[in-house]
Amino acid sequence: MHIGKVSLLKKVKVIYNPSSGRQVIQRRIDEICKILLDNGYIVGKFATKEKNDAMQEAIRCCKEDWDIIVACGGDGTVNEVATGIIIGGRKIPVAILAAGTVNDFANYMGLPKGSKEFCDMIMDENTIDVDLGKWEDKYFVNVAAGGFLTNVAHQVPTESKNALGRMAYYLEGLKEIPKQMFNGINVKISSEEYTSEEEIFLFLVSNSSSIGGFKMLAPKAQVEDGLLDCIIIRKSEIQDIVSIFINILTGEHVNHPNVEYFKTRKITIESNEKVQVDIDGEYGGTLPATFEVVPRSFKIFC
């Protein structure tokens, strides 16, 4: 039995997306519940069925005095749990068990996936308060994005994600490239650090450095610095786009003259065109949008 700081009868609610990760994750959840029960925790499980279920359950956890939430799923599930905690008004610490297709935030934080290591993390009670991004009444744990290929995540059918994993994103992206390759979007960008009107391929407003499975997309990002990292890729010739995307693997893309990279507390992006905004892999709405940071508003185990 683990000897940690756990007090008896601490209540843990496991909120999980049953469509994420299939049978492997289901077994891992059962293992985690057993370990926690054996170590004196009270454990409840909640399986989501549709969009916003995880958010509503997190709100209930705030009202019903649960001590810990385990969020099991992809970035979308973590997003909903974080949003529910903000709405619920009580900063319940969250243990994130990555089970989605990409899991950018969990991977960036280096969170454990093995059952024993995951439970040790909870029982050791090491937590940090990380930033969230906000757009009107919506929050994001990892990224808000618009433009070239940023709509791929919410266009991939759930069945394809479950069957093909990350490959489903690549296949959808390949289908979208011919449609979007030469389509720039005209935007007005306003922030204290950078203001312009220009034609761009895409924008990213990020909390962590890992976006879409690329670990160095926002290479200077930190989740505790009270700032959002903004990446603007201007409309470019094909050879420049190829160069930018090759350099994304090392983080050197931010030095390209057609890339603008800066940190800010608040940024407004407007367009006369209908530009969809993706928030943590889900459709969030369309521009205009004002994104701002909510410093250290989400407590997680690490």
C-alpha atoms as a PDB file:
ATOM      1  CA  MET A   1       0.000   0.000   0.000  1.00  0.00           C
ATOM      2  CA  HIS A   2       1.250   3.470  -0.900  1.00  0.00           C
ATOM      3  CA  ILE A   3       2.268   5.614   2.062  1.00  0.00           C
ATOM      4  CA  GLY A   4       1.424   9.181   1.104  1.00  0.00           C
ATOM      5  CA  LYS A   5      -0.406  12.196   2.442  1.00  0.00           C
ATOM      6  CA  VAL A   6      -3.853  10.753   1.799  1.00  0.00           C
ATOM      7  CA  SER A   7      -6.513  11.351   4.425  1.00  0.00           C
ATOM      8  CA  LEU A   8      -9.180   8.677   4.758  1.00  0.00           C
ATOM      9  CA  LEU A   9     -12.474   9.055   2.924  1.00  0.00           C
ATOM     10  CA  LYS A  10     -11.162  11.488   0.325  1.00  0.00           C
ATOM     11  CA  LYS A  11     -13.663  11.434  -2.560  1.00  0.00           C
ATOM     12  CA  VAL A  12     -12.502  10.931  -6.159  1.00  0.00           C
ATOM     13  CA  LYS A  13     -14.809  11.248  -9.161  1.00  0.00           C
ATOM     14  CA  VAL A  14     -13.577   9.623 -12.384  1.00  0.00           C
ATOM     15  CA  ILE A  15     -15.071  11.385 -15.394  1.00  0.00           C
ATOM     16  CA  TYR A  16     -14.263   9.455 -18.551  1.00  0.00           C
ATOM     17  CA  ASN A  17     -15.119   9.388 -22.222  1.00  0.00           C
ATOM     18  CA  PRO A  18     -15.902   5.727 -23.023  1.00  0.00           C
ATOM     19  CA  SER A  19     -15.191   6.291 -26.731  1.00  0.00           C
ATOM     20  CA  SER A  20     -11.590   7.339 -26.018  1.00  0.00           C
ATOM     21  CA  GLY A  21      -8.886   4.696 -25.998  1.00  0.00           C
ATOM     22  CA  ARG A  22     -11.200   1.698 -26.187  1.00  0.00           C
ATOM     23  CA  GLN A  23     -10.619  -1.397 -24.022  1.00  0.00           C
ATOM     24  CA  VAL A  24      -7.071  -0.567 -22.910  1.00  0.00           C
ATOM     25  CA  ILE A  25      -8.247   2.597 -21.173  1.00  0.00           C
ATOM     26  CA  GLN A  26     -11.282   0.864 -19.676  1.00  0.00           C
ATOM     27  CA  ARG A  27      -8.958  -1.673 -18.014  1.00  0.00           C
ATOM     28  CA  ARG A  28      -6.663   1.112 -16.812  1.00  0.00           C
ATOM     29  CA  ILE A  29      -9.583   2.996 -15.267  1.00  0.00           C
ATOM     30  CA  ASP A  30     -10.639  -0.156 -13.408  1.00  0.00           C
ATOM     31  CA  GLU A  31      -7.061  -0.671 -12.162  1.00  0.00           C
ATOM     32  CA  ILE A  32      -6.835   2.944 -10.975  1.00  0.00           C
ATOM     33  CA  CYS A  33     -10.183   2.732  -9.172  1.00  0.00           C
ATOM     34  CA  LYS A  34      -9.084  -0.459  -7.396  1.00  0.00           C
ATOM     35  CA  ILE A  35      -5.768   1.049  -6.266  1.00  0.00           C
ATOM     36  CA  LEU A  36      -7.484   4.166  -4.951  1.00  0.00           C
ATOM     37  CA  LEU A  37     -10.167   2.148  -3.147  1.00  0.00           C
ATOM     38  CA  ASP A  38      -7.478  -0.034  -1.567  1.00  0.00           C
ATOM     39  CA  ASN A  39      -5.781   3.116  -0.283  1.00  0.00           C
ATOM     40  CA  GLY A  40      -8.815   4.517   1.492  1.00  0.00           C
ATOM     41  CA  TYR A  41     -10.413   6.735  -1.164  1.00  0.00           C
ATOM     42  CA  ILE A  42     -14.100   6.844  -2.001  1.00  0.00           C
ATOM     43  CA  VAL A  43     -14.385   6.495  -5.790  1.00  0.00           C
ATOM     44  CA  GLY A  44     -17.249   7.308  -8.156  1.00  0.00           C
ATOM     45  CA  LYS A  45     -17.328   6.872 -11.940  1.00  0.00           C
ATOM     46  CA  PHE A  46     -19.166   8.876 -14.573  1.00  0.00           C
ATOM     47  CA  ALA A  47     -19.187   7.973 -18.286  1.00  0.00           C
ATOM     48  CA  THR A  48     -19.944  10.772 -20.733  1.00  0.00           C
ATOM     49  CA  LYS A  49     -22.478  10.179 -23.491  1.00  0.00           C
ATOM     50  CA  GLU A  50     -22.588  13.473 -25.374  1.00  0.00           C
ATOM     51  CA  LYS A  51     -20.995  16.894 -25.609  1.00  0.00           C
ATOM     52  CA  ASN A  52     -20.890  18.923 -22.352  1.00  0.00           C
ATOM     53  CA  ASP A  53     -21.567  15.871 -20.130  1.00  0.00           C
ATOM     54  CA  ALA A  54     -18.088  16.141 -18.594  1.00  0.00           C
ATOM     55  CA  MET A  55     -18.599  19.864 -17.956  1.00  0.00           C
ATOM     56  CA  GLN A  56     -21.951  19.316 -16.239  1.00  0.00           C
ATOM     57  CA  GLU A  57     -20.544  16.510 -14.092  1.00  0.00           C
ATOM     58  CA  ALA A  58     -17.610  18.702 -13.041  1.00  0.00           C
ATOM     59  CA  ILE A  59     -20.089  21.396 -11.992  1.00  0.00           C
ATOM     60  CA  ARG A  60     -21.926  18.798  -9.902  1.00  0.00           C
ATOM     61  CA  CYS A  61     -18.640  17.713  -8.321  1.00  0.00           C
ATOM     62  CA  CYS A  62     -18.078  21.302  -7.164  1.00  0.00           C
ATOM     63  CA  LYS A  63     -21.502  21.417  -5.558  1.00  0.00           C
ATOM     64  CA  GLU A  64     -21.324  17.924  -4.009  1.00  0.00           C
ATOM     65  CA  ASP A  65     -17.944  18.348  -2.287  1.00  0.00           C
ATOM     66  CA  TRP A  66     -15.859  15.887  -4.278  1.00  0.00           C
ATOM     67  CA  ASP A  67     -12.179  16.330  -3.422  1.00  0.00           C
ATOM     68  CA  ILE A  68     -10.508  15.173  -6.656  1.00  0.00           C
ATOM     69  CA  ILE A  69     -11.534  14.699 -10.282  1.00  0.00           C
ATOM     70  CA  VAL A  70      -9.849  12.244 -12.626  1.00  0.00           C
ATOM     71  CA  ALA A  71     -10.415  13.436 -16.209  1.00  0.00           C
ATOM     72  CA  CYS A  72      -9.970  10.562 -18.644  1.00  0.00           C
ATOM     73  CA  GLY A  73     -10.165  11.345 -22.344  1.00  0.00           C
ATOM     74  CA  GLY A  74      -8.604  13.667 -24.878  1.00  0.00           C
ATOM     75  CA  ASP A  75      -8.072  17.421 -24.790  1.00  0.00           C
ATOM     76  CA  GLY A  76     -11.814  17.950 -25.310  1.00  0.00           C
ATOM     77  CA  THR A  77     -12.703  16.054 -22.123  1.00  0.00           C
ATOM     78  CA  VAL A  78     -10.070  17.946 -20.131  1.00  0.00           C
ATOM     79  CA  ASN A  79     -11.428  21.198 -21.570  1.00  0.00           C
ATOM     80  CA  GLU A  80     -14.961  20.378 -20.403  1.00  0.00           C
ATOM     81  CA  VAL A  81     -13.802  19.423 -16.902  1.00  0.00           C
ATOM     82  CA  ALA A  82     -11.782  22.636 -16.577  1.00  0.00           C
ATOM     83  CA  THR A  83     -14.757  24.693 -17.787  1.00  0.00           C
ATOM     84  CA  GLY A  84     -17.078  22.955 -15.329  1.00  0.00           C
ATOM     85  CA  ILE A  85     -14.715  23.675 -12.437  1.00  0.00           C
ATOM     86  CA  ILE A  86     -14.541  27.363 -13.376  1.00  0.00           C
ATOM     87  CA  ILE A  87     -18.348  27.562 -13.582  1.00  0.00           C
ATOM     88  CA  GLY A  88     -18.720  25.538 -10.370  1.00  0.00           C
ATOM     89  CA  GLY A  89     -16.540  28.037  -8.538  1.00  0.00           C
ATOM     90  CA  ARG A  90     -14.390  25.575  -6.557  1.00  0.00           C
ATOM     91  CA  LYS A  91     -10.842  24.773  -7.690  1.00  0.00           C
ATOM     92  CA  ILE A  92     -10.962  20.982  -7.376  1.00  0.00           C
ATOM     93  CA  PRO A  93      -7.589  19.431  -8.300  1.00  0.00           C
ATOM     94  CA  VAL A  94      -7.711  17.347 -11.478  1.00  0.00           C
ATOM     95  CA  ALA A  95      -5.653  14.275 -12.404  1.00  0.00           C
ATOM     96  CA  ILE A  96      -5.499  13.965 -16.198  1.00  0.00           C
ATOM     97  CA  LEU A  97      -5.359  10.460 -17.671  1.00  0.00           C
ATOM     98  CA  ALA A  98      -4.603  10.816 -21.386  1.00  0.00           C
ATOM     99  CA  ALA A  99      -6.903   8.650 -23.483  1.00  0.00           C
ATOM    100  CA  GLY A 100      -7.655  10.695 -26.602  1.00  0.00           C
ATOM    101  CA  THR A 101      -6.176  10.710 -30.071  1.00  0.00           C
ATOM    102  CA  VAL A 102      -3.545  13.418 -29.579  1.00  0.00           C
ATOM    103  CA  ASN A 103      -3.525  14.452 -25.858  1.00  0.00           C
ATOM    104  CA  ASP A 104      -1.429  17.583 -26.397  1.00  0.00           C
ATOM    105  CA  PHE A 105      -1.789  19.004 -22.900  1.00  0.00           C
ATOM    106  CA  ALA A 106      -1.122  15.765 -20.990  1.00  0.00           C
ATOM    107  CA  ASN A 107       1.874  14.999 -23.195  1.00  0.00           C
ATOM    108  CA  TYR A 108       3.273  18.505 -22.722  1.00  0.00           C
ATOM    109  CA  MET A 109       2.968  18.118 -18.937  1.00  0.00           C
ATOM    110  CA  GLY A 110       4.584  14.653 -19.044  1.00  0.00           C
ATOM    111  CA  LEU A 111       1.778  13.103 -17.002  1.00  0.00           C
ATOM    112  CA  PRO A 112       1.980   9.375 -16.178  1.00  0.00           C
ATOM    113  CA  LYS A 113      -0.150   6.849 -18.066  1.00  0.00           C
ATOM    114  CA  GLY A 114       0.579   3.693 -16.077  1.00  0.00           C
ATOM    115  CA  SER A 115      -1.983   2.859 -13.377  1.00  0.00           C
ATOM    116  CA  LYS A 116       0.463   2.670 -10.438  1.00  0.00           C
ATOM    117  CA  GLU A 117       2.375   5.808 -11.419  1.00  0.00           C
ATOM    118  CA  PHE A 118      -0.883   7.677 -11.983  1.00  0.00           C
ATOM    119  CA  CYS A 119      -2.219   6.741  -8.549  1.00  0.00           C
ATOM    120  CA  ASP A 120       1.118   7.581  -6.905  1.00  0.00           C
ATOM    121  CA  MET A 121       0.825  11.045  -8.453  1.00  0.00           C
ATOM    122  CA  ILE A 122      -2.595  11.513  -6.837  1.00  0.00           C
ATOM    123  CA  MET A 123      -1.549  10.128  -3.464  1.00  0.00           C
ATOM    124  CA  ASP A 124       1.594  12.271  -3.341  1.00  0.00           C
ATOM    125  CA  GLU A 125      -0.695  15.303  -3.715  1.00  0.00           C
ATOM    126  CA  ASN A 126       1.745  17.334  -5.802  1.00  0.00           C
ATOM    127  CA  THR A 127      -0.294  19.940  -7.674  1.00  0.00           C
ATOM    128  CA  ILE A 128       0.306  23.090  -9.696  1.00  0.00           C
ATOM    129  CA  ASP A 129      -2.024  25.892 -10.740  1.00  0.00           C
ATOM    130  CA  VAL A 130      -1.895  26.381 -14.521  1.00  0.00           C
ATOM    131  CA  ASP A 131      -3.309  29.081 -16.770  1.00  0.00           C
ATOM    132  CA  LEU A 132      -6.376  28.747 -18.951  1.00  0.00           C
ATOM    133  CA  GLY A 133      -7.346  30.687 -22.042  1.00  0.00           C
ATOM    134  CA  LYS A 134     -10.773  32.305 -22.306  1.00  0.00           C
ATOM    135  CA  TRP A 135     -13.012  33.460 -25.157  1.00  0.00           C
ATOM    136  CA  GLU A 136     -16.316  34.923 -23.947  1.00  0.00           C
ATOM    137  CA  ASP A 137     -17.862  32.091 -21.872  1.00  0.00           C
ATOM    138  CA  LYS A 138     -15.586  29.417 -23.349  1.00  0.00           C
ATOM    139  CA  TYR A 139     -12.275  28.263 -21.884  1.00  0.00           C
ATOM    140  CA  PHE A 140      -9.347  26.375 -23.373  1.00  0.00           C
ATOM    141  CA  VAL A 141      -6.665  24.317 -21.683  1.00  0.00           C
ATOM    142  CA  ASN A 142      -4.337  24.100 -24.660  1.00  0.00           C
ATOM    143  CA  VAL A 143      -5.145  26.070 -27.821  1.00  0.00           C
ATOM    144  CA  ALA A 144      -7.558  28.162 -29.847  1.00  0.00           C
ATOM    145  CA  ALA A 145      -6.855  28.192 -33.580  1.00  0.00           C
ATOM    146  CA  GLY A 146      -8.246  29.257 -36.943  1.00  0.00           C
ATOM    147  CA  GLY A 147      -7.268  28.975 -40.591  1.00  0.00           C
ATOM    148  CA  PHE A 148      -5.328  26.364 -42.554  1.00  0.00           C
ATOM    149  CA  LEU A 149      -6.107  22.789 -41.360  1.00  0.00           C
ATOM    150  CA  THR A 150      -7.248  23.938 -37.900  1.00  0.00           C
ATOM    151  CA  ASN A 151     -10.746  22.579 -38.593  1.00  0.00           C
ATOM    152  CA  VAL A 152      -9.440  19.025 -39.149  1.00  0.00           C
ATOM    153  CA  ALA A 153      -9.796  17.958 -35.505  1.00  0.00           C
ATOM    154  CA  HIS A 154     -13.532  18.586 -35.317  1.00  0.00           C
ATOM    155  CA  GLN A 155     -14.216  17.248 -38.819  1.00  0.00           C
ATOM    156  CA  VAL A 156     -12.823  13.759 -38.165  1.00  0.00           C
ATOM    157  CA  PRO A 157     -15.712  11.395 -37.292  1.00  0.00           C
ATOM    158  CA  THR A 158     -15.528   9.804 -33.839  1.00  0.00           C
ATOM    159  CA  GLU A 159     -15.576   6.332 -35.428  1.00  0.00           C
ATOM    160  CA  SER A 160     -12.458   7.192 -37.445  1.00  0.00           C
ATOM    161  CA  LYS A 161     -10.659   8.527 -34.364  1.00  0.00           C
ATOM    162  CA  ASN A 162     -11.430   5.321 -32.483  1.00  0.00           C
ATOM    163  CA  ALA A 163     -10.396   3.029 -35.342  1.00  0.00           C
ATOM    164  CA  LEU A 164      -7.380   4.889 -36.706  1.00  0.00           C
ATOM    165  CA  GLY A 165      -6.149   7.093 -33.849  1.00  0.00           C
ATOM    166  CA  ARG A 166      -3.834   9.911 -34.903  1.00  0.00           C
ATOM    167  CA  MET A 167      -3.742   8.543 -38.479  1.00  0.00           C
ATOM    168  CA  ALA A 168      -7.352   9.736 -38.849  1.00  0.00           C
ATOM    169  CA  TYR A 169      -6.166  13.329 -38.445  1.00  0.00           C
ATOM    170  CA  TYR A 170      -3.443  12.876 -41.041  1.00  0.00           C
ATOM    171  CA  LEU A 171      -5.872  11.385 -43.558  1.00  0.00           C
ATOM    172  CA  GLU A 172      -8.395  14.162 -43.034  1.00  0.00           C
ATOM    173  CA  GLY A 173      -5.598  16.714 -43.332  1.00  0.00           C
ATOM    174  CA  LEU A 174      -4.492  15.250 -46.654  1.00  0.00           C
ATOM    175  CA  LYS A 175      -8.052  15.617 -47.962  1.00  0.00           C
ATOM    176  CA  GLU A 176      -8.210  19.241 -46.823  1.00  0.00           C
ATOM    177  CA  ILE A 177      -4.832  20.422 -48.191  1.00  0.00           C
ATOM    178  CA  PRO A 178      -5.990  20.765 -51.839  1.00  0.00           C
ATOM    179  CA  LYS A 179      -9.080  22.701 -50.717  1.00  0.00           C
ATOM    180  CA  GLN A 180      -7.260  25.106 -48.400  1.00  0.00           C
ATOM    181  CA  MET A 181      -3.703  25.358 -49.731  1.00  0.00           C
ATOM    182  CA  PHE A 182      -4.106  28.704 -51.481  1.00  0.00           C
ATOM    183  CA  ASN A 183      -6.865  30.170 -49.321  1.00  0.00           C
ATOM    184  CA  GLY A 184      -5.618  32.910 -47.031  1.00  0.00           C
ATOM    185  CA  ILE A 185      -7.882  34.771 -44.632  1.00  0.00           C
ATOM    186  CA  ASN A 186      -7.935  38.518 -44.136  1.00  0.00           C
ATOM    187  CA  VAL A 187      -7.796  39.426 -40.471  1.00  0.00           C
ATOM    188  CA  LYS A 188      -7.282  42.345 -38.146  1.00  0.00           C
ATOM    189  CA  ILE A 189      -5.111  41.461 -35.149  1.00  0.00           C
ATOM    190  CA  SER A 190      -5.044  43.704 -32.088  1.00  0.00           C
ATOM    191  CA  SER A 191      -2.930  43.266 -28.972  1.00  0.00           C
ATOM    192  CA  GLU A 192      -0.585  45.344 -26.859  1.00  0.00           C
ATOM    193  CA  GLU A 193       2.388  43.552 -28.396  1.00  0.00           C
ATOM    194  CA  TYR A 194       1.329  43.244 -32.045  1.00  0.00           C
ATOM    195  CA  THR A 195      -1.320  44.910 -34.223  1.00  0.00           C
ATOM    196  CA  SER A 196      -1.838  44.475 -37.959  1.00  0.00           C
ATOM    197  CA  GLU A 197      -4.251  43.922 -40.825  1.00  0.00           C
ATOM    198  CA  GLU A 198      -2.978  41.183 -43.104  1.00  0.00           C
ATOM    199  CA  GLU A 199      -3.713  38.004 -45.025  1.00  0.00           C
ATOM    200  CA  ILE A 200      -2.735  34.917 -43.072  1.00  0.00           C
ATOM    201  CA  PHE A 201      -2.867  31.141 -43.396  1.00  0.00           C
ATOM    202  CA  LEU A 202      -3.543  30.458 -39.745  1.00  0.00           C
ATOM    203  CA  PHE A 203      -3.390  31.731 -36.188  1.00  0.00           C
ATOM    204  CA  LEU A 204      -2.766  29.821 -32.969  1.00  0.00           C
ATOM    205  CA  VAL A 205      -3.343  31.130 -29.447  1.00  0.00           C
ATOM    206  CA  SER A 206      -1.713  28.585 -27.181  1.00  0.00           C
ATOM    207  CA  ASN A 207      -1.164  27.770 -23.531  1.00  0.00           C
ATOM    208  CA  SER A 208       1.364  24.936 -24.028  1.00  0.00           C
ATOM    209  CA  SER A 209       4.038  24.265 -26.629  1.00  0.00           C
ATOM    210  CA  SER A 210       2.401  21.070 -27.940  1.00  0.00           C
ATOM    211  CA  ILE A 211      -0.296  21.555 -30.576  1.00  0.00           C
ATOM    212  CA  GLY A 212      -1.729  18.946 -32.919  1.00  0.00           C
ATOM    213  CA  GLY A 213       0.923  16.453 -31.873  1.00  0.00           C
ATOM    214  CA  PHE A 214       3.780  18.856 -32.719  1.00  0.00           C
ATOM    215  CA  LYS A 215       5.715  19.299 -29.488  1.00  0.00           C
ATOM    216  CA  MET A 216       7.513  22.545 -30.420  1.00  0.00           C
ATOM    217  CA  LEU A 217       4.799  24.518 -32.194  1.00  0.00           C
ATOM    218  CA  ALA A 218       4.876  27.239 -29.532  1.00  0.00           C
ATOM    219  CA  PRO A 219       8.434  26.603 -28.299  1.00  0.00           C
ATOM    220  CA  LYS A 220       8.522  29.233 -25.533  1.00  0.00           C
ATOM    221  CA  ALA A 221       5.118  28.458 -24.064  1.00  0.00           C
ATOM    222  CA  GLN A 222       4.752  27.942 -20.310  1.00  0.00           C
ATOM    223  CA  VAL A 223       1.490  27.042 -18.603  1.00  0.00           C
ATOM    224  CA  GLU A 224       2.248  29.092 -15.474  1.00  0.00           C
ATOM    225  CA  ASP A 225       3.525  32.381 -16.940  1.00  0.00           C
ATOM    226  CA  GLY A 226       0.183  34.233 -17.096  1.00  0.00           C
ATOM    227  CA  LEU A 227       0.548  34.677 -20.860  1.00  0.00           C
ATOM    228  CA  LEU A 228      -0.791  33.158 -24.074  1.00  0.00           C
ATOM    229  CA  ASP A 229       1.598  32.340 -26.912  1.00  0.00           C
ATOM    230  CA  CYS A 230       0.423  33.598 -30.309  1.00  0.00           C
ATOM    231  CA  ILE A 231       1.629  32.281 -33.653  1.00  0.00           C
ATOM    232  CA  ILE A 232       0.586  33.995 -36.879  1.00  0.00           C
ATOM    233  CA  ILE A 233       1.594  32.387 -40.179  1.00  0.00           C
ATOM    234  CA  ARG A 234       1.136  34.829 -43.039  1.00  0.00           C
ATOM    235  CA  LYS A 235      -0.057  33.748 -46.480  1.00  0.00           C
ATOM    236  CA  SER A 236       3.090  32.553 -48.239  1.00  0.00           C
ATOM    237  CA  GLU A 237       4.404  30.936 -51.366  1.00  0.00           C
ATOM    238  CA  ILE A 238       4.429  27.155 -51.374  1.00  0.00           C
ATOM    239  CA  GLN A 239       8.194  26.936 -50.804  1.00  0.00           C
ATOM    240  CA  ASP A 240       7.907  29.136 -47.708  1.00  0.00           C
ATOM    241  CA  ILE A 241       5.056  27.057 -46.294  1.00  0.00           C
ATOM    242  CA  VAL A 242       7.091  23.876 -46.820  1.00  0.00           C
ATOM    243  CA  SER A 243      10.071  25.472 -45.048  1.00  0.00           C
ATOM    244  CA  ILE A 244       7.906  26.639 -42.138  1.00  0.00           C
ATOM    245  CA  PHE A 245       6.300  23.238 -41.635  1.00  0.00           C
ATOM    246  CA  ILE A 246       9.610  21.363 -41.825  1.00  0.00           C
ATOM    247  CA  ASN A 247      11.055  23.654 -39.151  1.00  0.00           C
ATOM    248  CA  ILE A 248       8.044  23.114 -36.857  1.00  0.00           C
ATOM    249  CA  LEU A 249       9.674  19.855 -35.759  1.00  0.00           C
ATOM    250  CA  THR A 250      12.537  21.776 -34.105  1.00  0.00           C
ATOM    251  CA  GLY A 251      10.731  24.991 -33.162  1.00  0.00           C
ATOM    252  CA  GLU A 252      12.827  26.992 -35.641  1.00  0.00           C
ATOM    253  CA  HIS A 253       9.738  27.969 -37.670  1.00  0.00           C
ATOM    254  CA  VAL A 254       9.194  30.963 -35.377  1.00  0.00           C
ATOM    255  CA  ASN A 255      12.309  32.589 -36.885  1.00  0.00           C
ATOM    256  CA  HIS A 256      10.864  32.576 -40.413  1.00  0.00           C
ATOM    257  CA  PRO A 257      10.045  36.088 -41.714  1.00  0.00           C
ATOM    258  CA  ASN A 258       6.474  35.009 -42.514  1.00  0.00           C
ATOM    259  CA  VAL A 259       5.830  33.868 -38.948  1.00  0.00           C
ATOM    260  CA  GLU A 260       4.952  36.225 -36.097  1.00  0.00           C
ATOM    261  CA  TYR A 261       5.405  34.825 -32.590  1.00  0.00           C
ATOM    262  CA  PHE A 262       4.699  36.741 -29.391  1.00  0.00           C
ATOM    263  CA  LYS A 263       3.236  36.416 -25.906  1.00  0.00           C
ATOM    264  CA  THR A 264       0.263  38.417 -24.670  1.00  0.00           C
ATOM    265  CA  ARG A 265      -2.407  38.562 -21.990  1.00  0.00           C
ATOM    266  CA  LYS A 266      -5.139  39.493 -24.454  1.00  0.00           C
ATOM    267  CA  ILE A 267      -5.590  39.428 -28.237  1.00  0.00           C
ATOM    268  CA  THR A 268      -8.497  40.247 -30.540  1.00  0.00           C
ATOM    269  CA  ILE A 269      -8.759  38.715 -34.014  1.00  0.00           C
ATOM    270  CA  GLU A 270     -11.425  39.948 -36.438  1.00  0.00           C
ATOM    271  CA  SER A 271     -12.355  39.093 -40.027  1.00  0.00           C
ATOM    272  CA  ASN A 272     -15.041  39.952 -42.554  1.00  0.00           C
ATOM    273  CA  GLU A 273     -14.911  36.311 -43.649  1.00  0.00           C
ATOM    274  CA  LYS A 274     -16.516  33.356 -41.849  1.00  0.00           C
ATOM    275  CA  VAL A 275     -13.509  31.901 -40.049  1.00  0.00           C
ATOM    276  CA  GLN A 276     -14.105  28.906 -37.786  1.00  0.00           C
ATOM    277  CA  VAL A 277     -12.271  28.739 -34.477  1.00  0.00           C
ATOM    278  CA  ASP A 278     -11.174  25.407 -33.024  1.00  0.00           C
ATOM    279  CA  ILE A 279     -10.878  25.209 -29.225  1.00  0.00           C
ATOM    280  CA  ASP A 280      -8.989  22.219 -27.831  1.00  0.00           C
ATOM    281  CA  GLY A 281      -9.971  20.114 -30.852  1.00  0.00           C
ATOM    282  CA  GLU A 282     -13.654  21.093 -30.876  1.00  0.00           C
ATOM    283  CA  TYR A 283     -15.611  23.643 -32.887  1.00  0.00           C
ATOM    284  CA  GLY A 284     -15.838  26.837 -30.831  1.00  0.00           C
ATOM    285  CA  GLY A 285     -17.579  29.349 -33.123  1.00  0.00           C
ATOM    286  CA  THR A 286     -16.453  31.954 -35.632  1.00  0.00           C
ATOM    287  CA  LEU A 287     -14.486  35.208 -35.576  1.00  0.00           C
ATOM    288  CA  PRO A 288     -14.422  37.884 -34.226  1.00  0.00           C
ATOM    289  CA  ALA A 289     -12.853  36.665 -30.993  1.00  0.00           C
ATOM    290  CA  THR A 290     -11.028  38.172 -28.046  1.00  0.00           C
ATOM    291  CA  PHE A 291      -8.802  35.645 -26.303  1.00  0.00           C
ATOM    292  CA  GLU A 292      -7.421  36.350 -22.837  1.00  0.00           C
ATOM    293  CA  VAL A 293      -5.521  34.445 -20.204  1.00  0.00           C
ATOM    294  CA  VAL A 294      -7.027  33.402 -16.858  1.00  0.00           C
ATOM    295  CA  PRO A 295      -3.856  33.015 -14.756  1.00  0.00           C
ATOM    296  CA  ARG A 296      -3.400  29.915 -12.553  1.00  0.00           C
ATOM    297  CA  SER A 297      -7.091  29.059 -12.585  1.00  0.00           C
ATOM    298  CA  PHE A 298      -6.842  25.271 -13.100  1.00  0.00           C
ATOM    299  CA  LYS A 299      -5.232  23.021 -10.461  1.00  0.00           C
ATOM    300  CA  ILE A 300      -3.763  19.744 -11.742  1.00  0.00           C
ATOM    301  CA  PHE A 301      -1.750  16.875 -10.305  1.00  0.00           C
ATOM    302  CA  CYS A 302       1.700  16.471 -11.801  1.00  0.00           C
END
